């Protein structure tokens, strides 16, 4: 058996630094230890991190029952026992099957005009010279997409109430709460002032909003296309419907996984474009050629727009990596690991592999027009049977929002300084 590779040994420091600076810290680890790299032991079991094509293939090209979510117990504390993050085996497969339809194919494309209209609605009053913060704009559009398309709430008063609840939920996803995901003893009330206490309050407030909404829709099953209504109609393999707790936990999970991540990706796209005026010009030329009022599908099929979105996701994936727990002994990246061992698929390592992405630190969307990448080379939404269920929807939303905005406006960065690897992107822009 090959000597196990070197790596960091302090689990606490790895977790905290990984949360504070997820991309920069992860890349520095590869520079120091190489690929693959050992991870600190969890529950007495070894761990391994890899981002090579061969390593990622050995992680993701295995039967679904061979792997479980790492930190499943921790996720259950935040989102509940029936959350898609927590389920494993046949239960996970069955729940994915129920949740999949709204996020793919024709059903997803029904939402295209709504997404474009929401982007227009929240940008139609822009004036030349007006300054704005990209992250604020994108969070607003993403939040309204969730209110209208996921929850299907359209009444102004109810929509305003839900907006406040979801915004409070987003803000509660602070550094402090994220740390509680990997450090369970921090899940304490601390007199009602800590991040865990705040998370519990906003979660209960959201549940208080949703329960009567579910009761109304069950009593009046009118034909609706929002994702919440589709979940109410969904039937499990035994013919039973999802109960209120199951629906709430899936919505809670979708909010956590899909709101800030899409808004952040869109913010990064504007930031990268602000530093690459030639790319921005080429993109706007492509969008102008689509005509005065292109259909959403025309935007979704625009090749350079998709390349811009993919290059953004390469440099700033929603997560720098994903963790899996082995249910059976496996050989990963040339090393034999026992059942119970942890494996971390380092997405950001794969996206910065110079053999696959030359000049990997450079924002160059053309690379996605020059060749096609395998799911073990470009995987911003993870891989295998736990690949993000909303991946297609997130990319679709990115293309429509970015395309809608940049067909009408040009933006320039107020500050030319580039954000660091690990900071939360919040470029200040000026509408030109």
Protein backbone atom coordinates (compact mmCIF):
# COMPACT_ATOMS: atom_id res chain seq x y z
CA UNK A 1 0.00 0.00 0.00
CA UNK A 2 1.34 3.43 -0.92
CA UNK A 3 2.41 5.70 1.91
CA UNK A 4 -0.49 7.98 2.71
CA UNK A 5 0.12 11.54 1.41
CA UNK A 6 0.86 14.46 3.68
CA UNK A 7 -1.67 17.09 4.65
CA UNK A 8 -2.87 19.39 7.45
CA UNK A 9 -3.53 17.71 10.78
CA UNK A 10 -5.60 20.24 12.75
CA UNK A 11 -9.27 19.70 11.88
CA UNK A 12 -10.41 22.88 13.64
CA UNK A 13 -7.98 25.13 11.75
CA UNK A 14 -8.79 23.49 8.43
CA UNK A 15 -12.51 24.06 8.95
CA UNK A 16 -12.22 27.64 10.16
CA UNK A 17 -9.70 28.75 7.50
CA UNK A 18 -11.70 26.95 4.84
CA UNK A 19 -14.79 28.92 5.84
CA UNK A 20 -12.95 32.23 6.11
CA UNK A 21 -11.13 31.94 2.77
CA UNK A 22 -12.54 28.93 0.91
CA UNK A 23 -10.87 29.40 -2.46
CA UNK A 24 -7.56 30.99 -1.48
CA UNK A 25 -6.95 28.60 1.41
CA UNK A 26 -7.84 25.54 -0.67
CA UNK A 27 -5.44 26.56 -3.45
CA UNK A 28 -2.67 27.23 -0.94
CA UNK A 29 -3.14 23.74 0.48
CA UNK A 30 -2.51 22.24 -2.96
CA UNK A 31 0.64 24.34 -3.36
CA UNK A 32 1.92 23.08 -0.01
CA UNK A 33 0.91 19.41 -0.01
CA UNK A 34 0.12 18.50 -3.61
CA UNK A 35 -2.73 16.43 -5.04
CA UNK A 36 -3.85 14.12 -3.50
CA UNK A 37 -3.57 15.37 0.07
CA UNK A 38 -4.56 13.77 3.36
CA UNK A 39 -7.22 15.35 5.57
CA UNK A 40 -7.43 15.38 9.37
CA UNK A 41 -9.10 12.26 10.72
CA UNK A 42 -12.82 12.34 11.47
CA UNK A 43 -14.21 9.78 13.94
CA UNK A 44 -10.86 8.03 13.77
CA UNK A 45 -11.08 7.51 10.01
CA UNK A 46 -8.60 8.89 7.46
CA UNK A 47 -9.52 11.42 4.82
CA UNK A 48 -8.28 12.30 1.37
CA UNK A 49 -8.63 15.35 -0.88
CA UNK A 50 -8.15 15.26 -4.64
CA UNK A 51 -8.94 17.41 -7.65
CA UNK A 52 -7.27 15.42 -10.42
CA UNK A 53 -9.32 14.03 -13.28
CA UNK A 54 -8.48 10.48 -12.24
CA UNK A 55 -9.22 11.16 -8.59
CA UNK A 56 -12.56 12.83 -9.29
CA UNK A 57 -13.56 10.02 -11.62
CA UNK A 58 -12.87 7.49 -8.86
CA UNK A 59 -15.07 9.55 -6.49
CA UNK A 60 -18.04 10.26 -8.73
CA UNK A 61 -18.16 7.32 -11.16
CA UNK A 62 -19.29 4.85 -8.50
CA UNK A 63 -22.71 3.38 -7.57
CA UNK A 64 -24.84 5.82 -5.51
CA UNK A 65 -24.92 3.48 -2.52
CA UNK A 66 -21.11 3.61 -2.22
CA UNK A 67 -21.06 7.22 -0.94
CA UNK A 68 -22.97 9.34 1.55
CA UNK A 69 -22.97 13.06 2.29
CA UNK A 70 -20.17 14.11 4.58
CA UNK A 71 -21.47 15.88 7.72
CA UNK A 72 -25.00 14.54 7.14
CA UNK A 73 -25.78 14.74 10.86
CA UNK A 74 -24.68 18.37 10.93
CA UNK A 75 -26.87 19.24 7.93
CA UNK A 76 -29.85 17.54 9.59
CA UNK A 77 -29.52 19.92 12.55
CA UNK A 78 -29.93 22.88 10.19
CA UNK A 79 -32.44 21.58 7.65
CA UNK A 80 -34.16 18.50 9.10
CA UNK A 81 -34.06 14.76 8.70
CA UNK A 82 -35.78 14.68 5.29
CA UNK A 83 -33.57 17.33 3.68
CA UNK A 84 -32.01 16.24 0.40
CA UNK A 85 -28.63 17.10 1.98
CA UNK A 86 -29.20 14.43 4.63
CA UNK A 87 -30.94 11.53 2.91
CA UNK A 88 -28.94 8.61 1.58
CA UNK A 89 -29.45 5.48 -0.48
CA UNK A 90 -32.88 4.71 -1.87
CA UNK A 91 -34.53 7.53 0.11
CA UNK A 92 -32.17 10.07 -1.42
CA UNK A 93 -32.77 8.72 -4.93
CA UNK A 94 -36.55 8.82 -4.45
CA UNK A 95 -36.55 12.39 -3.14
CA UNK A 96 -34.32 13.60 -6.00
CA UNK A 97 -36.75 12.02 -8.45
CA UNK A 98 -39.62 13.97 -6.87
CA UNK A 99 -37.74 17.27 -6.82
CA UNK A 100 -36.10 17.05 -10.24
CA UNK A 101 -38.89 17.99 -12.75
CA UNK A 102 -39.21 21.75 -11.99
CA UNK A 103 -35.46 22.25 -12.44
CA UNK A 104 -35.04 20.67 -15.85
CA UNK A 105 -36.36 20.59 -19.39
CA UNK A 106 -39.61 22.12 -20.54
CA UNK A 107 -40.88 22.75 -17.01
CA UNK A 108 -37.83 24.87 -16.23
CA UNK A 109 -38.16 26.80 -19.50
CA UNK A 110 -41.70 27.85 -18.52
CA UNK A 111 -40.06 30.15 -15.97
CA UNK A 112 -37.89 31.95 -18.53
CA UNK A 113 -40.11 34.97 -19.17
CA UNK A 114 -40.71 35.46 -15.44
CA UNK A 115 -36.96 35.58 -14.80
CA UNK A 116 -36.39 38.11 -17.60
CA UNK A 117 -39.32 40.24 -16.41
CA UNK A 118 -38.00 40.29 -12.85
CA UNK A 119 -34.56 41.39 -14.05
CA UNK A 120 -36.21 44.16 -16.07
CA UNK A 121 -38.48 45.22 -13.22
CA UNK A 122 -35.55 45.77 -10.88
CA UNK A 123 -33.38 47.60 -13.39
CA UNK A 124 -35.79 49.69 -15.47
CA UNK A 125 -35.17 52.85 -13.43
CA UNK A 126 -31.38 52.82 -13.80
CA UNK A 127 -29.95 56.18 -14.88
CA UNK A 128 -26.60 56.98 -16.53
CA UNK A 129 -23.99 57.58 -13.84
CA UNK A 130 -26.02 55.86 -11.14
CA UNK A 131 -23.91 53.81 -8.74
CA UNK A 132 -24.98 50.45 -7.40
CA UNK A 133 -23.56 47.44 -5.60
CA UNK A 134 -23.63 44.35 -7.81
CA UNK A 135 -24.30 41.97 -4.95
CA UNK A 136 -27.29 43.99 -3.72
CA UNK A 137 -28.83 44.06 -7.21
CA UNK A 138 -28.30 40.36 -7.81
CA UNK A 139 -29.58 39.35 -4.38
CA UNK A 140 -32.74 41.37 -5.04
CA UNK A 141 -33.36 39.69 -8.40
CA UNK A 142 -32.55 36.23 -7.03
CA UNK A 143 -34.80 36.79 -4.04
CA UNK A 144 -37.72 37.87 -6.24
CA UNK A 145 -37.17 34.81 -8.42
CA UNK A 146 -37.54 32.60 -5.35
CA UNK A 147 -40.67 34.43 -4.16
CA UNK A 148 -42.43 34.19 -7.53
CA UNK A 149 -41.12 30.95 -9.02
CA UNK A 150 -40.34 28.79 -5.99
CA UNK A 151 -43.05 29.95 -3.59
CA UNK A 152 -45.51 31.32 -6.14
CA UNK A 153 -46.47 34.23 -3.89
CA UNK A 154 -47.81 37.18 -5.90
CA UNK A 155 -50.09 39.14 -3.53
CA UNK A 156 -48.13 42.34 -2.74
CA UNK A 157 -48.53 42.20 1.04
CA UNK A 158 -47.68 38.51 1.28
CA UNK A 159 -44.76 38.91 -1.12
CA UNK A 160 -43.38 41.80 0.95
CA UNK A 161 -43.68 39.74 4.13
CA UNK A 162 -41.96 36.75 2.53
CA UNK A 163 -39.21 39.00 1.17
CA UNK A 164 -38.40 40.20 4.70
CA UNK A 165 -38.36 36.62 5.99
CA UNK A 166 -36.07 35.36 3.23
CA UNK A 167 -33.76 38.33 3.55
CA UNK A 168 -33.51 37.68 7.29
CA UNK A 169 -32.78 34.02 6.55
CA UNK A 170 -30.02 35.02 4.12
CA UNK A 171 -28.41 37.34 6.64
CA UNK A 172 -28.51 34.61 9.27
CA UNK A 173 -26.25 32.52 7.03
CA UNK A 174 -23.34 34.38 8.53
CA UNK A 175 -19.83 33.21 9.20
CA UNK A 176 -20.91 32.31 12.73
CA UNK A 177 -23.71 30.02 11.58
CA UNK A 178 -21.51 28.40 8.94
CA UNK A 179 -18.98 27.55 11.64
CA UNK A 180 -21.72 25.74 13.59
CA UNK A 181 -22.09 23.38 10.65
CA UNK A 182 -18.69 21.86 11.44
CA UNK A 183 -18.45 22.68 15.17
CA UNK A 184 -21.60 21.22 16.79
CA UNK A 185 -20.97 22.56 20.31
CA UNK A 186 -21.54 26.11 19.00
CA UNK A 187 -25.22 25.26 18.39
CA UNK A 188 -26.29 26.97 21.59
CA UNK A 189 -28.73 29.74 22.33
CA UNK A 190 -26.24 32.02 24.15
CA UNK A 191 -29.12 33.93 25.69
CA UNK A 192 -30.84 34.31 22.33
CA UNK A 193 -28.05 36.42 20.79
CA UNK A 194 -25.90 33.90 18.96
CA UNK A 195 -26.06 32.93 15.27
CA UNK A 196 -27.67 29.60 16.15
CA UNK A 197 -30.45 31.29 18.10
CA UNK A 198 -31.08 33.71 15.22
CA UNK A 199 -31.22 30.84 12.72
CA UNK A 200 -33.77 29.05 14.88
CA UNK A 201 -35.95 32.18 15.10
CA UNK A 202 -35.97 32.97 11.38
CA UNK A 203 -36.55 29.31 10.53
CA UNK A 204 -39.60 29.27 12.80
CA UNK A 205 -40.84 32.54 11.33
CA UNK A 206 -40.61 31.07 7.83
CA UNK A 207 -42.46 27.97 8.98
CA UNK A 208 -45.19 30.16 10.48
CA UNK A 209 -45.60 31.84 7.11
CA UNK A 210 -45.59 28.62 5.13
CA UNK A 211 -47.99 26.48 7.20
CA UNK A 212 -51.15 28.50 6.46
CA UNK A 213 -50.04 28.88 2.82
CA UNK A 214 -49.82 25.10 2.52
CA UNK A 215 -53.24 24.70 4.12
CA UNK A 216 -54.79 27.18 1.66
CA UNK A 217 -53.31 25.44 -1.35
CA UNK A 218 -54.32 21.99 -0.16
CA UNK A 219 -57.88 23.27 0.27
CA UNK A 220 -57.88 24.94 -3.17
CA UNK A 221 -55.68 22.87 -5.52
CA UNK A 222 -55.85 25.31 -8.43
CA UNK A 223 -53.57 24.79 -11.42
CA UNK A 224 -50.27 26.55 -10.59
CA UNK A 225 -46.75 26.24 -11.96
CA UNK A 226 -44.61 27.39 -9.01
CA UNK A 227 -42.31 24.83 -7.42
CA UNK A 228 -44.14 24.82 -4.08
CA UNK A 229 -47.41 23.87 -5.79
CA UNK A 230 -45.64 21.16 -7.78
CA UNK A 231 -44.29 19.70 -4.53
CA UNK A 232 -47.82 19.60 -3.15
CA UNK A 233 -48.88 17.54 -6.17
CA UNK A 234 -45.89 15.20 -6.07
CA UNK A 235 -46.46 11.63 -4.98
CA UNK A 236 -43.95 9.25 -3.47
CA UNK A 237 -43.47 5.72 -4.77
CA UNK A 238 -46.13 4.39 -2.42
CA UNK A 239 -48.62 6.98 -3.71
CA UNK A 240 -48.55 9.21 -0.63
CA UNK A 241 -47.97 12.96 -0.78
CA UNK A 242 -45.21 14.84 0.96
CA UNK A 243 -46.27 16.11 4.35
CA UNK A 244 -45.83 19.72 5.46
CA UNK A 245 -42.61 18.97 7.32
CA UNK A 246 -41.03 17.29 4.30
CA UNK A 247 -42.03 20.16 2.00
CA UNK A 248 -40.70 22.76 4.41
CA UNK A 249 -37.37 20.97 4.80
CA UNK A 250 -36.89 20.68 1.03
CA UNK A 251 -37.73 24.37 0.50
CA UNK A 252 -35.40 25.29 3.35
CA UNK A 253 -32.63 23.30 1.68
CA UNK A 254 -33.29 24.84 -1.75
CA UNK A 255 -33.13 28.34 -0.25
CA UNK A 256 -29.80 27.62 1.41
CA UNK A 257 -28.30 26.02 -1.71
CA UNK A 258 -29.72 28.27 -4.39
CA UNK A 259 -30.28 31.86 -3.30
CA UNK A 260 -26.95 33.39 -2.33
CA UNK A 261 -25.00 31.08 -4.64
CA UNK A 262 -26.71 32.29 -7.83
CA UNK A 263 -26.64 35.92 -6.72
CA UNK A 264 -22.95 35.59 -5.89
CA UNK A 265 -22.15 34.05 -9.28
CA UNK A 266 -23.95 36.87 -11.07
CA UNK A 267 -22.07 39.45 -9.00
CA UNK A 268 -18.77 37.82 -9.87
CA UNK A 269 -19.72 37.81 -13.55
CA UNK A 270 -20.19 41.58 -13.50
CA UNK A 271 -16.93 41.99 -11.61
CA UNK A 272 -14.96 39.88 -14.09
CA UNK A 273 -16.57 41.67 -17.05
CA UNK A 274 -15.66 45.00 -15.49
CA UNK A 275 -12.02 43.95 -15.54
CA UNK A 276 -12.24 42.59 -19.10
CA UNK A 277 -13.71 45.29 -21.38
CA UNK A 278 -12.96 43.31 -24.56
CA UNK A 279 -14.97 40.37 -23.22
CA UNK A 280 -17.82 42.70 -22.28
CA UNK A 281 -17.88 44.24 -25.76
CA UNK A 282 -17.95 40.85 -27.44
CA UNK A 283 -20.76 39.71 -25.17
CA UNK A 284 -22.84 42.83 -25.77
CA UNK A 285 -22.31 42.51 -29.53
CA UNK A 286 -23.69 38.98 -29.35
CA UNK A 287 -26.68 40.13 -27.30
CA UNK A 288 -27.40 43.08 -29.64
CA UNK A 289 -27.42 40.71 -32.62
CA UNK A 290 -30.35 38.82 -31.02
CA UNK A 291 -32.68 41.74 -31.72
CA UNK A 292 -34.68 44.23 -29.70
CA UNK A 293 -36.65 41.76 -27.60
CA UNK A 294 -35.28 38.21 -27.89
CA UNK A 295 -37.11 35.25 -26.41
CA UNK A 296 -35.62 33.77 -23.23
CA UNK A 297 -34.54 30.68 -25.16
CA UNK A 298 -32.53 32.86 -27.56
CA UNK A 299 -30.61 34.23 -24.60
CA UNK A 300 -30.20 30.77 -23.10
CA UNK A 301 -28.68 29.48 -26.37
CA UNK A 302 -26.29 32.41 -26.93
CA UNK A 303 -22.88 30.67 -27.00
CA UNK A 304 -20.65 33.46 -25.73
CA UNK A 305 -23.07 34.33 -22.92
CA UNK A 306 -22.95 30.71 -21.81
CA UNK A 307 -19.17 30.75 -22.04
CA UNK A 308 -19.04 33.87 -19.82
CA UNK A 309 -21.27 32.17 -17.24
CA UNK A 310 -19.22 28.96 -17.34
CA UNK A 311 -15.92 30.81 -16.97
CA UNK A 312 -17.36 32.68 -13.98
CA UNK A 313 -18.42 29.38 -12.41
CA UNK A 314 -14.99 27.92 -13.12
CA UNK A 315 -13.24 30.68 -11.21
CA UNK A 316 -15.90 31.08 -8.52
CA UNK A 317 -17.84 27.81 -8.15
CA UNK A 318 -20.66 27.86 -5.59
CA UNK A 319 -18.48 25.64 -3.39
CA UNK A 320 -14.73 25.00 -3.73
CA UNK A 321 -15.34 21.31 -3.08
CA UNK A 322 -17.75 18.66 -1.85
CA UNK A 323 -17.30 16.02 0.83
CA UNK A 324 -18.33 12.38 0.69
CA UNK A 325 -18.22 9.54 3.21
CA UNK A 326 -17.34 6.07 1.95
CA UNK A 327 -19.83 3.30 2.73
CA UNK A 328 -17.47 0.64 1.41
CA UNK A 329 -13.68 0.35 1.08
CA UNK A 330 -12.55 2.10 -2.09
CA UNK A 331 -9.40 3.01 -3.97
CA UNK A 332 -9.27 6.77 -4.52
CA UNK A 333 -6.47 8.51 -6.42
CA UNK A 334 -4.20 5.50 -5.93
CA UNK A 335 -4.87 5.03 -2.20
CA UNK A 336 -6.92 2.34 -0.46
CA UNK A 337 -9.42 3.86 1.97
CA UNK A 338 -11.60 1.98 4.48
CA UNK A 339 -15.35 2.28 4.86
CA UNK A 340 -16.17 5.39 6.88
CA UNK A 341 -13.27 7.38 5.44
CA UNK A 342 -13.89 10.87 4.12
CA UNK A 343 -13.11 12.09 0.62
CA UNK A 344 -13.14 15.73 -0.43
CA UNK A 345 -13.50 16.36 -4.16
CA UNK A 346 -11.65 19.64 -4.66
CA UNK A 347 -13.56 21.42 -7.41
CA UNK A 348 -11.35 24.49 -7.28
CA UNK A 349 -8.24 22.33 -7.77
CA UNK A 350 -9.80 20.80 -10.88
CA UNK A 351 -10.72 24.25 -12.21
CA UNK A 352 -7.14 25.44 -11.72
CA UNK A 353 -5.41 22.44 -13.24
CA UNK A 354 -2.94 24.04 -15.70
CA UNK A 355 -2.97 20.92 -17.89
CA UNK A 356 -6.72 21.37 -18.44
CA UNK A 357 -7.07 25.15 -18.10
CA UNK A 358 -3.88 26.93 -19.25
CA UNK A 359 -3.47 30.31 -17.52
CA UNK A 360 -6.11 29.11 -15.13
CA UNK A 361 -6.14 32.34 -13.12
CA UNK A 362 -7.17 34.37 -16.20
CA UNK A 363 -10.84 35.10 -16.98
CA UNK A 364 -11.05 33.85 -20.57
CA UNK A 365 -14.52 32.65 -21.64
CA UNK A 366 -13.22 31.66 -25.09
CA UNK A 367 -11.82 28.46 -23.59
CA UNK A 368 -15.41 27.13 -23.39
CA UNK A 369 -15.89 27.76 -27.11
CA UNK A 370 -12.63 26.04 -28.02
CA UNK A 371 -13.32 22.68 -26.42
CA UNK A 372 -15.76 20.67 -24.32
CA UNK A 373 -14.81 19.64 -20.80
CA UNK A 374 -15.64 16.35 -19.14
CA UNK A 375 -17.67 16.25 -15.87
CA UNK A 376 -14.39 15.44 -14.09
CA UNK A 377 -12.68 18.58 -15.43
CA UNK A 378 -15.42 21.20 -15.11
CA UNK A 379 -17.87 20.54 -12.29
CA UNK A 380 -19.04 23.77 -10.63
CA UNK A 381 -22.11 22.02 -9.18
CA UNK A 382 -20.39 18.87 -7.99
CA UNK A 383 -20.75 15.43 -9.50
CA UNK A 384 -22.22 11.98 -9.19
CA UNK A 385 -25.66 11.25 -7.80
CA UNK A 386 -25.44 14.22 -5.42
CA UNK A 387 -24.70 16.81 -8.08
CA UNK A 388 -26.67 19.99 -7.27
CA UNK A 389 -30.27 19.36 -8.25
CA UNK A 390 -30.70 22.99 -9.30
CA UNK A 391 -27.59 23.15 -11.52
CA UNK A 392 -29.46 23.52 -14.83
CA UNK A 393 -31.84 26.06 -13.32
CA UNK A 394 -29.00 28.12 -11.79
CA UNK A 395 -27.14 28.34 -15.11
CA UNK A 396 -30.40 29.16 -16.91
CA UNK A 397 -31.15 31.96 -14.45
CA UNK A 398 -27.60 33.30 -14.75
CA UNK A 399 -27.82 33.52 -18.54
CA UNK A 400 -31.24 35.17 -18.56
CA UNK A 401 -30.48 37.74 -15.87
CA UNK A 402 -27.06 38.66 -17.23
CA UNK A 403 -28.33 38.73 -20.82
CA UNK A 404 -31.34 40.87 -19.92
CA UNK A 405 -29.25 43.44 -18.04
CA UNK A 406 -26.37 43.70 -20.49
CA UNK A 407 -28.63 44.09 -23.52
CA UNK A 408 -29.86 47.36 -22.04
CA UNK A 409 -27.04 48.71 -19.93
CA UNK A 410 -23.29 48.97 -19.78
CA UNK A 411 -21.62 48.91 -16.39
CA UNK A 412 -18.20 50.06 -15.36
CA UNK A 413 -16.39 49.41 -12.12
CA UNK A 414 -16.15 52.41 -9.83
CA UNK A 415 -12.98 50.89 -8.36
CA UNK A 416 -10.51 49.01 -10.58
CA UNK A 417 -9.06 47.00 -7.70
CA UNK A 418 -9.64 43.28 -8.05
CA UNK A 419 -11.27 41.43 -5.18
CA UNK A 420 -9.16 38.85 -3.32
CA UNK A 421 -9.66 35.14 -3.60
CA UNK A 422 -11.73 34.66 -0.52
CA UNK A 423 -13.69 37.86 -0.07
CA UNK A 424 -17.42 38.18 -0.64
CA UNK A 425 -17.74 39.94 -3.95
CA UNK A 426 -19.48 43.28 -3.80
CA UNK A 427 -18.15 45.36 -6.69
CA UNK A 428 -19.44 48.90 -6.89
CA UNK A 429 -20.65 49.62 -10.41
CA UNK A 430 -21.70 52.69 -12.35
CA UNK A 431 -24.47 52.44 -14.93
CA UNK A 432 -23.08 53.85 -18.17
